[in-house]
Amino acid sequence: FAWADGAFATIAGHLAAGKRAIYYMCI
């Protein structure tokens, strides 16, 4: 994978909001 900047900031935000699972689809 090659990631756009900010991808893991989004993951961290969801974890901080209490999400316990995250779905995502790459291209």
mmCIF file of all heavy atoms, coordinates in Angstrom:
data_MODEL
# 
_entry.id   MODEL 
# 
loop_
_atom_site.group_PDB 
_atom_site.id 
_atom_site.type_symbol 
_atom_site.label_atom_id 
_atom_site.label_alt_id 
_atom_site.label_comp_id 
_atom_site.label_asym_id 
_atom_site.label_entity_id 
_atom_site.label_seq_id 
_atom_site.pdbx_PDB_ins_code 
_atom_site.Cartn_x 
_atom_site.Cartn_y 
_atom_site.Cartn_z 
_atom_site.occupancy 
_atom_site.B_iso_or_equiv 
_atom_site.pdbx_formal_charge 
_atom_site.auth_seq_id 
_atom_site.auth_comp_id 
_atom_site.auth_asym_id 
_atom_site.auth_atom_id 
_atom_site.pdbx_PDB_model_num 
ATOM 1   N N   . PHE A 1 1  ? 0.824   -1.199 0.000  1.00 0.00 ? 1  PHE A N   1 
ATOM 2   C CA  . PHE A 1 1  ? 0.000   0.000  0.000  1.00 0.00 ? 1  PHE A CA  1 
ATOM 3   C C   . PHE A 1 1  ? 0.865   1.259  0.000  1.00 0.00 ? 1  PHE A C   1 
ATOM 4   O O   . PHE A 1 1  ? 1.921   1.307  0.638  1.00 0.00 ? 1  PHE A O   1 
ATOM 5   C CB  . PHE A 1 1  ? -0.895  0.046  1.247  1.00 0.00 ? 1  PHE A CB  1 
ATOM 6   C CG  . PHE A 1 1  ? -2.172  -0.736 1.130  1.00 0.00 ? 1  PHE A CG  1 
ATOM 7   C CD1 . PHE A 1 1  ? -2.277  -1.823 0.277  1.00 0.00 ? 1  PHE A CD1 1 
ATOM 8   C CD2 . PHE A 1 1  ? -3.269  -0.395 1.899  1.00 0.00 ? 1  PHE A CD2 1 
ATOM 9   C CE1 . PHE A 1 1  ? -3.455  -2.557 0.191  1.00 0.00 ? 1  PHE A CE1 1 
ATOM 10  C CE2 . PHE A 1 1  ? -4.455  -1.111 1.825  1.00 0.00 ? 1  PHE A CE2 1 
ATOM 11  C CZ  . PHE A 1 1  ? -4.546  -2.199 0.968  1.00 0.00 ? 1  PHE A CZ  1 
ATOM 12  N N   . ALA A 1 2  ? 0.371   2.282  -0.686 1.00 0.00 ? 2  ALA A N   1 
ATOM 13  C CA  . ALA A 1 2  ? 0.882   3.644  -0.540 1.00 0.00 ? 2  ALA A CA  1 
ATOM 14  C C   . ALA A 1 2  ? -0.265  4.475  0.024  1.00 0.00 ? 2  ALA A C   1 
ATOM 15  O O   . ALA A 1 2  ? -1.389  4.419  -0.487 1.00 0.00 ? 2  ALA A O   1 
ATOM 16  C CB  . ALA A 1 2  ? 1.359   4.204  -1.878 1.00 0.00 ? 2  ALA A CB  1 
ATOM 17  N N   . TRP A 1 3  ? 0.025   5.258  1.065  1.00 0.00 ? 3  TRP A N   1 
ATOM 18  C CA  . TRP A 1 3  ? -1.020  5.937  1.824  1.00 0.00 ? 3  TRP A CA  1 
ATOM 19  C C   . TRP A 1 3  ? -0.970  7.446  1.612  1.00 0.00 ? 3  TRP A C   1 
ATOM 20  O O   . TRP A 1 3  ? 0.106   8.048  1.602  1.00 0.00 ? 3  TRP A O   1 
ATOM 21  C CB  . TRP A 1 3  ? -0.850  5.666  3.318  1.00 0.00 ? 3  TRP A CB  1 
ATOM 22  C CG  . TRP A 1 3  ? -0.947  4.218  3.691  1.00 0.00 ? 3  TRP A CG  1 
ATOM 23  C CD1 . TRP A 1 3  ? 0.058   3.288  3.653  1.00 0.00 ? 3  TRP A CD1 1 
ATOM 24  C CD2 . TRP A 1 3  ? -2.110  3.539  4.167  1.00 0.00 ? 3  TRP A CD2 1 
ATOM 25  N NE1 . TRP A 1 3  ? -0.406  2.063  4.075  1.00 0.00 ? 3  TRP A NE1 1 
ATOM 26  C CE2 . TRP A 1 3  ? -1.731  2.185  4.406  1.00 0.00 ? 3  TRP A CE2 1 
ATOM 27  C CE3 . TRP A 1 3  ? -3.413  3.922  4.431  1.00 0.00 ? 3  TRP A CE3 1 
ATOM 28  C CZ2 . TRP A 1 3  ? -2.624  1.239  4.880  1.00 0.00 ? 3  TRP A CZ2 1 
ATOM 29  C CZ3 . TRP A 1 3  ? -4.314  2.979  4.910  1.00 0.00 ? 3  TRP A CZ3 1 
ATOM 30  C CH2 . TRP A 1 3  ? -3.915  1.650  5.130  1.00 0.00 ? 3  TRP A CH2 1 
ATOM 31  N N   . ALA A 1 4  ? -2.136  8.050  1.500  1.00 0.00 ? 4  ALA A N   1 
ATOM 32  C CA  . ALA A 1 4  ? -2.217  9.501  1.515  1.00 0.00 ? 4  ALA A CA  1 
ATOM 33  C C   . ALA A 1 4  ? -1.965  9.999  2.931  1.00 0.00 ? 4  ALA A C   1 
ATOM 34  O O   . ALA A 1 4  ? -2.322  9.336  3.913  1.00 0.00 ? 4  ALA A O   1 
ATOM 35  C CB  . ALA A 1 4  ? -3.582  9.971  1.020  1.00 0.00 ? 4  ALA A CB  1 
ATOM 36  N N   . ASP A 1 5  ? -1.352  11.166 3.044  1.00 0.00 ? 5  ASP A N   1 
ATOM 37  C CA  . ASP A 1 5  ? -1.106  11.746 4.354  1.00 0.00 ? 5  ASP A CA  1 
ATOM 38  C C   . ASP A 1 5  ? -2.442  12.036 5.040  1.00 0.00 ? 5  ASP A C   1 
ATOM 39  O O   . ASP A 1 5  ? -3.386  12.529 4.422  1.00 0.00 ? 5  ASP A O   1 
ATOM 40  C CB  . ASP A 1 5  ? -0.310  13.050 4.199  1.00 0.00 ? 5  ASP A CB  1 
ATOM 41  C CG  . ASP A 1 5  ? 0.280   13.526 5.513  1.00 0.00 ? 5  ASP A CG  1 
ATOM 42  O OD1 . ASP A 1 5  ? 0.343   12.720 6.456  1.00 0.00 ? 5  ASP A OD1 1 
ATOM 43  O OD2 . ASP A 1 5  ? 0.678   14.706 5.575  1.00 0.00 ? 5  ASP A OD2 1 
ATOM 44  N N   . GLY A 1 6  ? -2.511  11.715 6.319  1.00 0.00 ? 6  GLY A N   1 
ATOM 45  C CA  . GLY A 1 6  ? -3.740  11.921 7.079  1.00 0.00 ? 6  GLY A CA  1 
ATOM 46  C C   . GLY A 1 6  ? -4.563  10.673 7.281  1.00 0.00 ? 6  GLY A C   1 
ATOM 47  O O   . GLY A 1 6  ? -5.529  10.682 8.061  1.00 0.00 ? 6  GLY A O   1 
ATOM 48  N N   . ALA A 1 7  ? -4.215  9.572  6.589  1.00 0.00 ? 7  ALA A N   1 
ATOM 49  C CA  . ALA A 1 7  ? -4.988  8.336  6.729  1.00 0.00 ? 7  ALA A CA  1 
ATOM 50  C C   . ALA A 1 7  ? -5.002  7.856  8.180  1.00 0.00 ? 7  ALA A C   1 
ATOM 51  O O   . ALA A 1 7  ? -6.048  7.497  8.732  1.00 0.00 ? 7  ALA A O   1 
ATOM 52  C CB  . ALA A 1 7  ? -4.426  7.250  5.809  1.00 0.00 ? 7  ALA A CB  1 
ATOM 53  N N   . PHE A 1 8  ? -3.833  7.887  8.822  1.00 0.00 ? 8  PHE A N   1 
ATOM 54  C CA  . PHE A 1 8  ? -3.763  7.357  10.184 1.00 0.00 ? 8  PHE A CA  1 
ATOM 55  C C   . PHE A 1 8  ? -4.251  8.370  11.215 1.00 0.00 ? 8  PHE A C   1 
ATOM 56  O O   . PHE A 1 8  ? -4.621  7.985  12.328 1.00 0.00 ? 8  PHE A O   1 
ATOM 57  C CB  . PHE A 1 8  ? -2.338  6.878  10.471 1.00 0.00 ? 8  PHE A CB  1 
ATOM 58  C CG  . PHE A 1 8  ? -2.023  5.588  9.762  1.00 0.00 ? 8  PHE A CG  1 
ATOM 59  C CD1 . PHE A 1 8  ? -1.704  5.573  8.419  1.00 0.00 ? 8  PHE A CD1 1 
ATOM 60  C CD2 . PHE A 1 8  ? -2.109  4.379  10.432 1.00 0.00 ? 8  PHE A CD2 1 
ATOM 61  C CE1 . PHE A 1 8  ? -1.450  4.384  7.753  1.00 0.00 ? 8  PHE A CE1 1 
ATOM 62  C CE2 . PHE A 1 8  ? -1.849  3.181  9.782  1.00 0.00 ? 8  PHE A CE2 1 
ATOM 63  C CZ  . PHE A 1 8  ? -1.529  3.183  8.429  1.00 0.00 ? 8  PHE A CZ  1 
ATOM 64  N N   . ALA A 1 9  ? -4.298  9.625  10.841 1.00 0.00 ? 9  ALA A N   1 
ATOM 65  C CA  . ALA A 1 9  ? -4.977  10.592 11.706 1.00 0.00 ? 9  ALA A CA  1 
ATOM 66  C C   . ALA A 1 9  ? -6.465  10.269 11.765 1.00 0.00 ? 9  ALA A C   1 
ATOM 67  O O   . ALA A 1 9  ? -7.098  10.385 12.828 1.00 0.00 ? 9  ALA A O   1 
ATOM 68  C CB  . ALA A 1 9  ? -4.756  12.010 11.175 1.00 0.00 ? 9  ALA A CB  1 
ATOM 69  N N   . THR A 1 10 ? -7.036  9.843  10.643 1.00 0.00 ? 10 THR A N   1 
ATOM 70  C CA  . THR A 1 10 ? -8.448  9.442  10.624 1.00 0.00 ? 10 THR A CA  1 
ATOM 71  C C   . THR A 1 10 ? -8.667  8.204  11.485 1.00 0.00 ? 10 THR A C   1 
ATOM 72  O O   . THR A 1 10 ? -9.638  8.137  12.263 1.00 0.00 ? 10 THR A O   1 
ATOM 73  C CB  . THR A 1 10 ? -8.895  9.178  9.179  1.00 0.00 ? 10 THR A CB  1 
ATOM 74  O OG1 . THR A 1 10 ? -8.841  10.405 8.447  1.00 0.00 ? 10 THR A OG1 1 
ATOM 75  C CG2 . THR A 1 10 ? -10.304 8.623  9.133  1.00 0.00 ? 10 THR A CG2 1 
ATOM 76  N N   . ILE A 1 11 ? -7.787  7.226  11.376 1.00 0.00 ? 11 ILE A N   1 
ATOM 77  C CA  . ILE A 1 11 ? -7.916  6.022  12.208 1.00 0.00 ? 11 ILE A CA  1 
ATOM 78  C C   . ILE A 1 11 ? -7.830  6.385  13.679 1.00 0.00 ? 11 ILE A C   1 
ATOM 79  O O   . ILE A 1 11 ? -8.647  5.929  14.502 1.00 0.00 ? 11 ILE A O   1 
ATOM 80  C CB  . ILE A 1 11 ? -6.842  4.994  11.832 1.00 0.00 ? 11 ILE A CB  1 
ATOM 81  C CG1 . ILE A 1 11 ? -7.023  4.527  10.382 1.00 0.00 ? 11 ILE A CG1 1 
ATOM 82  C CG2 . ILE A 1 11 ? -6.888  3.801  12.780 1.00 0.00 ? 11 ILE A CG2 1 
ATOM 83  C CD1 . ILE A 1 11 ? -5.888  3.636  9.879  1.00 0.00 ? 11 ILE A CD1 1 
ATOM 84  N N   . ALA A 1 12 ? -6.855  7.215  14.046 1.00 0.00 ? 12 ALA A N   1 
ATOM 85  C CA  . ALA A 1 12 ? -6.696  7.624  15.443 1.00 0.00 ? 12 ALA A CA  1 
ATOM 86  C C   . ALA A 1 12 ? -7.938  8.346  15.946 1.00 0.00 ? 12 ALA A C   1 
ATOM 87  O O   . ALA A 1 12 ? -8.366  8.152  17.091 1.00 0.00 ? 12 ALA A O   1 
ATOM 88  C CB  . ALA A 1 12 ? -5.462  8.514  15.589 1.00 0.00 ? 12 ALA A CB  1 
ATOM 89  N N   . GLY A 1 13 ? -8.541  9.163  15.085 1.00 0.00 ? 13 GLY A N   1 
ATOM 90  C CA  . GLY A 1 13 ? -9.750  9.870  15.473 1.00 0.00 ? 13 GLY A CA  1 
ATOM 91  C C   . GLY A 1 13 ? -10.902 8.936  15.767 1.00 0.00 ? 13 GLY A C   1 
ATOM 92  O O   . GLY A 1 13 ? -11.651 9.136  16.736 1.00 0.00 ? 13 GLY A O   1 
ATOM 93  N N   . HIS A 1 14 ? -11.063 7.911  14.949 1.00 0.00 ? 14 HIS A N   1 
ATOM 94  C CA  . HIS A 1 14 ? -12.143 6.954  15.190 1.00 0.00 ? 14 HIS A CA  1 
ATOM 95  C C   . HIS A 1 14 ? -11.901 6.148  16.467 1.00 0.00 ? 14 HIS A C   1 
ATOM 96  O O   . HIS A 1 14 ? -12.843 5.866  17.220 1.00 0.00 ? 14 HIS A O   1 
ATOM 97  C CB  . HIS A 1 14 ? -12.290 6.018  13.996 1.00 0.00 ? 14 HIS A CB  1 
ATOM 98  C CG  . HIS A 1 14 ? -13.004 6.635  12.831 1.00 0.00 ? 14 HIS A CG  1 
ATOM 99  N ND1 . HIS A 1 14 ? -14.295 7.106  12.914 1.00 0.00 ? 14 HIS A ND1 1 
ATOM 100 C CD2 . HIS A 1 14 ? -12.608 6.860  11.551 1.00 0.00 ? 14 HIS A CD2 1 
ATOM 101 C CE1 . HIS A 1 14 ? -14.668 7.591  11.748 1.00 0.00 ? 14 HIS A CE1 1 
ATOM 102 N NE2 . HIS A 1 14 ? -13.662 7.462  10.906 1.00 0.00 ? 14 HIS A NE2 1 
ATOM 103 N N   . LEU A 1 15 ? -10.659 5.782  16.719 1.00 0.00 ? 15 LEU A N   1 
ATOM 104 C CA  . LEU A 1 15 ? -10.366 5.052  17.952 1.00 0.00 ? 15 LEU A CA  1 
ATOM 105 C C   . LEU A 1 15 ? -10.621 5.935  19.170 1.00 0.00 ? 15 LEU A C   1 
ATOM 106 O O   . LEU A 1 15 ? -11.165 5.478  20.178 1.00 0.00 ? 15 LEU A O   1 
ATOM 107 C CB  . LEU A 1 15 ? -8.917  4.560  17.933 1.00 0.00 ? 15 LEU A CB  1 
ATOM 108 C CG  . LEU A 1 15 ? -8.577  3.519  16.854 1.00 0.00 ? 15 LEU A CG  1 
ATOM 109 C CD1 . LEU A 1 15 ? -7.099  3.164  16.923 1.00 0.00 ? 15 LEU A CD1 1 
ATOM 110 C CD2 . LEU A 1 15 ? -9.430  2.270  17.000 1.00 0.00 ? 15 LEU A CD2 1 
ATOM 111 N N   . ALA A 1 16 ? -10.250 7.209  19.062 1.00 0.00 ? 16 ALA A N   1 
ATOM 112 C CA  . ALA A 1 16 ? -10.487 8.128  20.177 1.00 0.00 ? 16 ALA A CA  1 
ATOM 113 C C   . ALA A 1 16 ? -11.981 8.327  20.418 1.00 0.00 ? 16 ALA A C   1 
ATOM 114 O O   . ALA A 1 16 ? -12.412 8.583  21.547 1.00 0.00 ? 16 ALA A O   1 
ATOM 115 C CB  . ALA A 1 16 ? -9.815  9.471  19.897 1.00 0.00 ? 16 ALA A CB  1 
ATOM 116 N N   . ALA A 1 17 ? -12.778 8.200  19.352 1.00 0.00 ? 17 ALA A N   1 
ATOM 117 C CA  . ALA A 1 17 ? -14.230 8.356  19.476 1.00 0.00 ? 17 ALA A CA  1 
ATOM 118 C C   . ALA A 1 17 ? -14.905 7.099  20.003 1.00 0.00 ? 17 ALA A C   1 
ATOM 119 O O   . ALA A 1 17 ? -16.140 7.071  20.146 1.00 0.00 ? 17 ALA A O   1 
ATOM 120 C CB  . ALA A 1 17 ? -14.820 8.742  18.122 1.00 0.00 ? 17 ALA A CB  1 
ATOM 121 N N   . GLY A 1 18 ? -14.134 6.053  20.259 1.00 0.00 ? 18 GLY A N   1 
ATOM 122 C CA  . GLY A 1 18 ? -14.688 4.838  20.847 1.00 0.00 ? 18 GLY A CA  1 
ATOM 123 C C   . GLY A 1 18 ? -15.037 3.750  19.857 1.00 0.00 ? 18 GLY A C   1 
ATOM 124 O O   . GLY A 1 18 ? -15.612 2.722  20.247 1.00 0.00 ? 18 GLY A O   1 
ATOM 125 N N   . LYS A 1 19 ? -14.690 3.922  18.574 1.00 0.00 ? 19 LYS A N   1 
ATOM 126 C CA  . LYS A 1 19 ? -14.964 2.871  17.605 1.00 0.00 ? 19 LYS A CA  1 
ATOM 127 C C   . LYS A 1 19 ? -14.071 1.665  17.891 1.00 0.00 ? 19 LYS A C   1 
ATOM 128 O O   . LYS A 1 19 ? -12.881 1.811  18.196 1.00 0.00 ? 19 LYS A O   1 
ATOM 129 C CB  . LYS A 1 19 ? -14.738 3.367  16.178 1.00 0.00 ? 19 LYS A CB  1 
ATOM 130 C CG  . LYS A 1 19 ? -15.619 4.556  15.791 1.00 0.00 ? 19 LYS A CG  1 
ATOM 131 C CD  . LYS A 1 19 ? -17.094 4.224  15.894 1.00 0.00 ? 19 LYS A CD  1 
ATOM 132 C CE  . LYS A 1 19 ? -17.958 5.402  15.458 1.00 0.00 ? 19 LYS A CE  1 
ATOM 133 N NZ  . LYS A 1 19 ? -19.407 5.122  15.605 1.00 0.00 ? 19 LYS A NZ  1 
ATOM 134 N N   . ARG A 1 20 ? -14.659 0.487  17.757 1.00 0.00 ? 20 ARG A N   1 
ATOM 135 C CA  . ARG A 1 20 ? -13.915 -0.736 18.083 1.00 0.00 ? 20 ARG A CA  1 
ATOM 136 C C   . ARG A 1 20 ? -13.655 -1.599 16.852 1.00 0.00 ? 20 ARG A C   1 
ATOM 137 O O   . ARG A 1 20 ? -13.098 -2.689 16.954 1.00 0.00 ? 20 ARG A O   1 
ATOM 138 C CB  . ARG A 1 20 ? -14.655 -1.509 19.168 1.00 0.00 ? 20 ARG A CB  1 
ATOM 139 C CG  . ARG A 1 20 ? -14.868 -0.644 20.410 1.00 0.00 ? 20 ARG A CG  1 
ATOM 140 C CD  . ARG A 1 20 ? -15.523 -1.365 21.544 1.00 0.00 ? 20 ARG A CD  1 
ATOM 141 N NE  . ARG A 1 20 ? -14.628 -2.342 22.157 1.00 0.00 ? 20 ARG A NE  1 
ATOM 142 C CZ  . ARG A 1 20 ? -14.941 -3.058 23.228 1.00 0.00 ? 20 ARG A CZ  1 
ATOM 143 N NH1 . ARG A 1 20 ? -16.134 -2.891 23.796 1.00 0.00 ? 20 ARG A NH1 1 
ATOM 144 N NH2 . ARG A 1 20 ? -14.096 -3.924 23.723 1.00 0.00 ? 20 ARG A NH2 1 
ATOM 145 N N   . ALA A 1 21 ? -14.074 -1.121 15.699 1.00 0.00 ? 21 ALA A N   1 
ATOM 146 C CA  . ALA A 1 21 ? -13.746 -1.773 14.431 1.00 0.00 ? 21 ALA A CA  1 
ATOM 147 C C   . ALA A 1 21 ? -13.850 -0.716 13.335 1.00 0.00 ? 21 ALA A C   1 
ATOM 148 O O   . ALA A 1 21 ? -14.676 0.201  13.417 1.00 0.00 ? 21 ALA A O   1 
ATOM 149 C CB  . ALA A 1 21 ? -14.676 -2.939 14.139 1.00 0.00 ? 21 ALA A CB  1 
ATOM 150 N N   . ILE A 1 22 ? -13.006 -0.852 12.308 1.00 0.00 ? 22 ILE A N   1 
ATOM 151 C CA  . ILE A 1 22 ? -12.982 0.111  11.201 1.00 0.00 ? 22 ILE A CA  1 
ATOM 152 C C   . ILE A 1 22 ? -12.896 -0.666 9.895  1.00 0.00 ? 22 ILE A C   1 
ATOM 153 O O   . ILE A 1 22 ? -12.046 -1.556 9.733  1.00 0.00 ? 22 ILE A O   1 
ATOM 154 C CB  . ILE A 1 22 ? -11.780 1.074  11.308 1.00 0.00 ? 22 ILE A CB  1 
ATOM 155 C CG1 . ILE A 1 22 ? -11.844 1.862  12.630 1.00 0.00 ? 22 ILE A CG1 1 
ATOM 156 C CG2 . ILE A 1 22 ? -11.740 2.034  10.125 1.00 0.00 ? 22 ILE A CG2 1 
ATOM 157 C CD1 . ILE A 1 22 ? -10.593 2.696  12.901 1.00 0.00 ? 22 ILE A CD1 1 
ATOM 158 N N   . TYR A 1 23 ? -13.787 -0.322 8.958  1.00 0.00 ? 23 TYR A N   1 
ATOM 159 C CA  . TYR A 1 23 ? -13.749 -0.887 7.607  1.00 0.00 ? 23 TYR A CA  1 
ATOM 160 C C   . TYR A 1 23 ? -13.254 0.179  6.643  1.00 0.00 ? 23 TYR A C   1 
ATOM 161 O O   . TYR A 1 23 ? -13.570 1.368  6.778  1.00 0.00 ? 23 TYR A O   1 
ATOM 162 C CB  . TYR A 1 23 ? -15.136 -1.344 7.162  1.00 0.00 ? 23 TYR A CB  1 
ATOM 163 C CG  . TYR A 1 23 ? -15.544 -2.697 7.671  1.00 0.00 ? 23 TYR A CG  1 
ATOM 164 C CD1 . TYR A 1 23 ? -16.091 -2.834 8.942  1.00 0.00 ? 23 TYR A CD1 1 
ATOM 165 C CD2 . TYR A 1 23 ? -15.390 -3.842 6.887  1.00 0.00 ? 23 TYR A CD2 1 
ATOM 166 C CE1 . TYR A 1 23 ? -16.489 -4.071 9.416  1.00 0.00 ? 23 TYR A CE1 1 
ATOM 167 C CE2 . TYR A 1 23 ? -15.780 -5.080 7.359  1.00 0.00 ? 23 TYR A CE2 1 
ATOM 168 C CZ  . TYR A 1 23 ? -16.325 -5.196 8.627  1.00 0.00 ? 23 TYR A CZ  1 
ATOM 169 O OH  . TYR A 1 23 ? -16.712 -6.430 9.086  1.00 0.00 ? 23 TYR A OH  1 
ATOM 170 N N   . TYR A 1 24 ? -12.522 -0.292 5.640  1.00 0.00 ? 24 TYR A N   1 
ATOM 171 C CA  . TYR A 1 24 ? -11.953 0.631  4.657  1.00 0.00 ? 24 TYR A CA  1 
ATOM 172 C C   . TYR A 1 24 ? -11.616 -0.170 3.401  1.00 0.00 ? 24 TYR A C   1 
ATOM 173 O O   . TYR A 1 24 ? -11.275 -1.346 3.485  1.00 0.00 ? 24 TYR A O   1 
ATOM 174 C CB  . TYR A 1 24 ? -10.686 1.289  5.222  1.00 0.00 ? 24 TYR A CB  1 
ATOM 175 C CG  . TYR A 1 24 ? -9.830  1.960  4.192  1.00 0.00 ? 24 TYR A CG  1 
ATOM 176 C CD1 . TYR A 1 24 ? -10.221 3.180  3.652  1.00 0.00 ? 24 TYR A CD1 1 
ATOM 177 C CD2 . TYR A 1 24 ? -8.654  1.378  3.739  1.00 0.00 ? 24 TYR A CD2 1 
ATOM 178 C CE1 . TYR A 1 24 ? -9.449  3.799  2.682  1.00 0.00 ? 24 TYR A CE1 1 
ATOM 179 C CE2 . TYR A 1 24 ? -7.877  1.979  2.786  1.00 0.00 ? 24 TYR A CE2 1 
ATOM 180 C CZ  . TYR A 1 24 ? -8.276  3.191  2.254  1.00 0.00 ? 24 TYR A CZ  1 
ATOM 181 O OH  . TYR A 1 24 ? -7.523  3.792  1.299  1.00 0.00 ? 24 TYR A OH  1 
ATOM 182 N N   . MET A 1 25 ? -11.714 0.471  2.249  1.00 0.00 ? 25 MET A N   1 
ATOM 183 C CA  . MET A 1 25 ? -11.393 -0.189 0.980  1.00 0.00 ? 25 MET A CA  1 
ATOM 184 C C   . MET A 1 25 ? -10.417 0.663  0.188  1.00 0.00 ? 25 MET A C   1 
ATOM 185 O O   . MET A 1 25 ? -10.646 1.852  -0.028 1.00 0.00 ? 25 MET A O   1 
ATOM 186 C CB  . MET A 1 25 ? -12.673 -0.406 0.157  1.00 0.00 ? 25 MET A CB  1 
ATOM 187 C CG  . MET A 1 25 ? -12.449 -1.155 -1.142 1.00 0.00 ? 25 MET A CG  1 
ATOM 188 S SD  . MET A 1 25 ? -11.878 -2.857 -0.862 1.00 0.00 ? 25 MET A SD  1 
ATOM 189 C CE  . MET A 1 25 ? -11.791 -3.464 -2.562 1.00 0.00 ? 25 MET A CE  1 
ATOM 190 N N   . CYS A 1 26 ? -9.312  0.050  -0.235 1.00 0.00 ? 26 CYS A N   1 
ATOM 191 C CA  . CYS A 1 26 ? -8.338  0.752  -1.062 1.00 0.00 ? 26 CYS A CA  1 
ATOM 192 C C   . CYS A 1 26 ? -8.650  0.506  -2.544 1.00 0.00 ? 26 CYS A C   1 
ATOM 193 O O   . CYS A 1 26 ? -9.556  -0.244 -2.887 1.00 0.00 ? 26 CYS A O   1 
ATOM 194 C CB  . CYS A 1 26 ? -6.928  0.284  -0.753 1.00 0.00 ? 26 CYS A CB  1 
ATOM 195 S SG  . CYS A 1 26 ? -6.567  -1.352 -1.450 1.00 0.00 ? 26 CYS A SG  1 
ATOM 196 N N   . ILE A 1 27 ? -7.877  1.147  -3.407 1.00 0.00 ? 27 ILE A N   1 
ATOM 197 C CA  . ILE A 1 27 ? -8.034  0.995  -4.845 1.00 0.00 ? 27 ILE A CA  1 
ATOM 198 C C   . ILE A 1 27 ? -6.726  0.475  -5.431 1.00 0.00 ? 27 ILE A C   1 
ATOM 199 O O   . ILE A 1 27 ? -5.636  0.898  -5.028 1.00 0.00 ? 27 ILE A O   1 
ATOM 200 C CB  . ILE A 1 27 ? -8.409  2.345  -5.506 1.00 0.00 ? 27 ILE A CB  1 
ATOM 201 C CG1 . ILE A 1 27 ? -9.707  2.874  -4.913 1.00 0.00 ? 27 ILE A CG1 1 
ATOM 202 C CG2 . ILE A 1 27 ? -8.546  2.183  -7.024 1.00 0.00 ? 27 ILE A CG2 1 
ATOM 203 C CD1 . ILE A 1 27 ? -10.915 1.997  -5.130 1.00 0.00 ? 27 ILE A CD1 1 
# 
